Amino acid sequence: MGQSPRAIIAYGIAVNEDDKENLPWCSDEFDEDPEDWWRKELGYTPEFEIYDSNGVYIGGNKPSEAIMSQYFDNQRKWMSDNPMPFSTKLFGYEGTSIIITSPKYPYYEVEWGSKEINLATLVIIPDESFINFLEKYLPELGFPRWLLAAKLF
């Protein structure tokens, strides 16, 4: 079995697997899901519940498709109205690194071959919401910087 290369160029912060416990969403409560953490952090309350406190369907039965659709539509709408000021990208496999970046910043990834990059897109306009997020929740990680990383998997 051969190995395949993977490379990224991003403006953000790299977090190694060993350090991810410092990320507020990397806990049993949020199952490493930043959206779940963000909703709780900002106080999202669904209009109605479909899960009990153990994550099991209330009453033991899956709700109808209409109810499920409404539940997740409400959640998506709330996220659209309260967007996360960051995004996460897994780099490598088996959790070797997580890249935390702004959704407004360029992120390029190539798994094999080459990819043309317009250097004009590599200009960073400060994203205050991203910087404020880092200062409030992850001050120990410092400020974002250009990252060029490659990995065989």
Protein backbone atom coordinates (compact mmCIF):
# COMPACT_ATOMS: atom_id res chain seq x y z
CA MET A 1 0.00 0.00 0.00
CA GLY A 2 1.51 3.31 -1.10
CA GLN A 3 1.40 6.67 0.52
CA SER A 4 -0.26 9.74 -0.92
CA PRO A 5 0.89 13.31 -0.31
CA ARG A 6 -1.35 16.05 0.98
CA ALA A 7 -0.42 19.71 1.27
CA ILE A 8 -2.15 22.86 2.47
CA ILE A 9 -1.57 26.58 2.44
CA ALA A 10 -3.65 28.45 4.99
CA TYR A 11 -3.62 31.50 7.18
CA GLY A 12 -4.49 30.39 10.66
CA ILE A 13 -3.26 28.39 13.61
CA ALA A 14 -2.18 24.75 13.64
CA VAL A 15 -3.08 22.64 16.65
CA ASN A 16 -1.43 19.25 17.07
CA GLU A 17 -3.39 16.21 18.19
CA ASP A 18 -1.65 16.30 21.58
CA ASP A 19 -2.82 19.88 22.18
CA LYS A 20 -6.40 19.64 20.99
CA GLU A 21 -7.74 19.20 24.53
CA ASN A 22 -7.15 22.96 24.82
CA LEU A 23 -9.90 23.54 22.26
CA PRO A 24 -13.20 24.16 24.06
CA TRP A 25 -15.18 21.90 21.70
CA CYS A 26 -12.80 18.94 22.13
CA SER A 27 -14.56 17.42 25.09
CA ASP A 28 -16.96 14.57 25.75
CA GLU A 29 -19.81 17.07 25.98
CA PHE A 30 -19.34 18.34 22.43
CA ASP A 31 -17.75 15.27 20.82
CA GLU A 32 -15.22 17.54 19.07
CA ASP A 33 -18.01 19.37 17.24
CA PRO A 34 -17.32 23.12 17.11
CA GLU A 35 -20.89 23.90 16.00
CA ASP A 36 -22.37 22.17 19.05
CA TRP A 37 -19.99 24.11 21.27
CA TRP A 38 -20.75 27.42 19.51
CA ARG A 39 -24.51 26.95 19.88
CA LYS A 40 -24.16 26.26 23.60
CA GLU A 41 -21.64 29.09 24.10
CA LEU A 42 -24.04 31.61 22.57
CA GLY A 43 -27.08 30.20 24.37
CA TYR A 44 -28.97 28.56 21.51
CA THR A 45 -32.15 26.88 22.68
CA PRO A 46 -34.10 24.77 20.19
CA GLU A 47 -37.82 25.47 19.82
CA PHE A 48 -38.41 21.85 20.79
CA GLU A 49 -36.27 18.87 21.73
CA ILE A 50 -36.02 15.57 19.90
CA TYR A 51 -33.24 14.12 22.08
CA ASP A 52 -33.11 13.47 25.81
CA SER A 53 -30.06 14.33 27.95
CA ASN A 54 -28.39 11.07 26.85
CA GLY A 55 -28.73 11.87 23.16
CA VAL A 56 -31.49 9.31 22.64
CA TYR A 57 -34.73 10.17 20.85
CA ILE A 58 -37.34 11.30 23.35
CA GLY A 59 -39.79 8.46 23.87
CA GLY A 60 -37.37 6.06 22.19
CA ASN A 61 -38.78 6.64 18.71
CA LYS A 62 -37.33 8.66 15.87
CA PRO A 63 -39.56 11.65 15.10
CA SER A 64 -41.20 12.01 11.70
CA GLU A 65 -39.17 13.36 8.79
CA ALA A 66 -41.13 16.63 9.00
CA ILE A 67 -40.22 17.10 12.68
CA MET A 68 -36.57 16.15 12.06
CA SER A 69 -36.40 18.55 9.13
CA GLN A 70 -37.89 21.40 11.15
CA TYR A 71 -35.51 20.73 14.05
CA PHE A 72 -32.40 20.86 11.86
CA ASP A 73 -33.72 23.73 9.70
CA ASN A 74 -34.15 25.79 12.89
CA GLN A 75 -30.61 24.90 13.94
CA ARG A 76 -29.18 25.86 10.51
CA LYS A 77 -31.08 29.15 10.52
CA TRP A 78 -29.74 30.02 13.95
CA MET A 79 -26.20 29.20 12.80
CA SER A 80 -26.70 31.38 9.74
CA ASP A 81 -27.81 34.26 12.00
CA ASN A 82 -24.94 33.58 14.45
CA PRO A 83 -22.04 32.36 12.32
CA MET A 84 -18.91 30.98 13.91
CA PRO A 85 -16.01 33.43 13.49
CA PHE A 86 -13.71 30.48 12.79
CA SER A 87 -13.59 27.26 10.85
CA THR A 88 -11.65 24.09 11.46
CA LYS A 89 -9.94 21.89 8.93
CA LEU A 90 -8.46 18.51 9.72
CA PHE A 91 -5.05 18.09 8.20
CA GLY A 92 -3.68 14.63 7.69
CA TYR A 93 -5.48 11.64 9.06
CA GLU A 94 -5.81 10.15 12.49
CA GLY A 95 -6.02 13.70 13.82
CA THR A 96 -2.43 14.78 13.25
CA SER A 97 -3.36 18.46 13.15
CA ILE A 98 -6.30 20.78 13.17
CA ILE A 99 -6.07 24.08 11.35
CA ILE A 100 -8.15 26.89 12.86
CA THR A 101 -8.78 29.69 10.41
CA SER A 102 -11.26 32.40 9.57
CA PRO A 103 -14.00 31.47 7.11
CA LYS A 104 -12.98 34.68 5.29
CA TYR A 105 -9.36 33.61 4.76
CA PRO A 106 -8.08 31.55 1.82
CA TYR A 107 -7.43 27.86 2.37
CA TYR A 108 -5.86 25.69 -0.30
CA GLU A 109 -5.46 21.95 -0.20
CA VAL A 110 -4.11 19.49 -2.73
CA GLU A 111 -3.91 15.73 -2.27
CA TRP A 112 -2.05 14.83 -5.42
CA GLY A 113 -0.63 16.81 -8.29
CA SER A 114 -0.69 20.57 -8.36
CA LYS A 115 -3.14 23.39 -7.87
CA GLU A 116 -2.88 26.87 -9.30
CA ILE A 117 -3.05 29.62 -6.69
CA ASN A 118 -3.68 33.25 -7.46
CA LEU A 119 -1.19 35.04 -5.21
CA ALA A 120 -3.50 38.05 -5.02
CA THR A 121 -5.84 35.93 -2.89
CA LEU A 122 -3.10 35.44 -0.31
CA VAL A 123 -3.52 38.99 0.96
CA ILE A 124 -5.11 38.94 4.40
CA ILE A 125 -7.54 41.63 5.43
CA PRO A 126 -7.82 41.45 9.22
CA ASP A 127 -10.95 39.64 10.35
CA GLU A 128 -11.74 41.27 13.69
CA SER A 129 -14.31 38.64 14.68
CA PHE A 130 -11.71 35.89 14.20
CA ILE A 131 -9.02 37.77 16.12
CA ASN A 132 -11.50 38.54 18.94
CA PHE A 133 -12.48 34.86 19.06
CA LEU A 134 -8.82 33.81 19.38
CA GLU A 135 -8.13 36.39 22.09
CA LYS A 136 -11.17 35.36 24.10
CA TYR A 137 -11.14 31.56 23.76
CA LEU A 138 -7.63 30.54 22.67
CA PRO A 139 -5.16 33.22 23.80
CA GLU A 140 -2.41 30.66 24.41
CA LEU A 141 -2.29 29.84 20.68
CA GLY A 142 -1.15 33.30 19.66
CA PHE A 143 -1.99 35.01 16.41
CA PRO A 144 -2.61 33.43 13.02
CA ARG A 145 0.19 33.10 10.51
CA TRP A 146 0.77 31.62 7.09
CA LEU A 147 1.02 27.84 7.20
CA LEU A 148 2.47 25.57 4.55
CA ALA A 149 2.28 21.95 5.55
CA ALA A 150 2.63 18.62 3.82
CA LYS A 151 1.99 15.09 4.97
CA LEU A 152 2.11 11.58 3.60
CA PHE A 153 -0.83 9.36 4.40
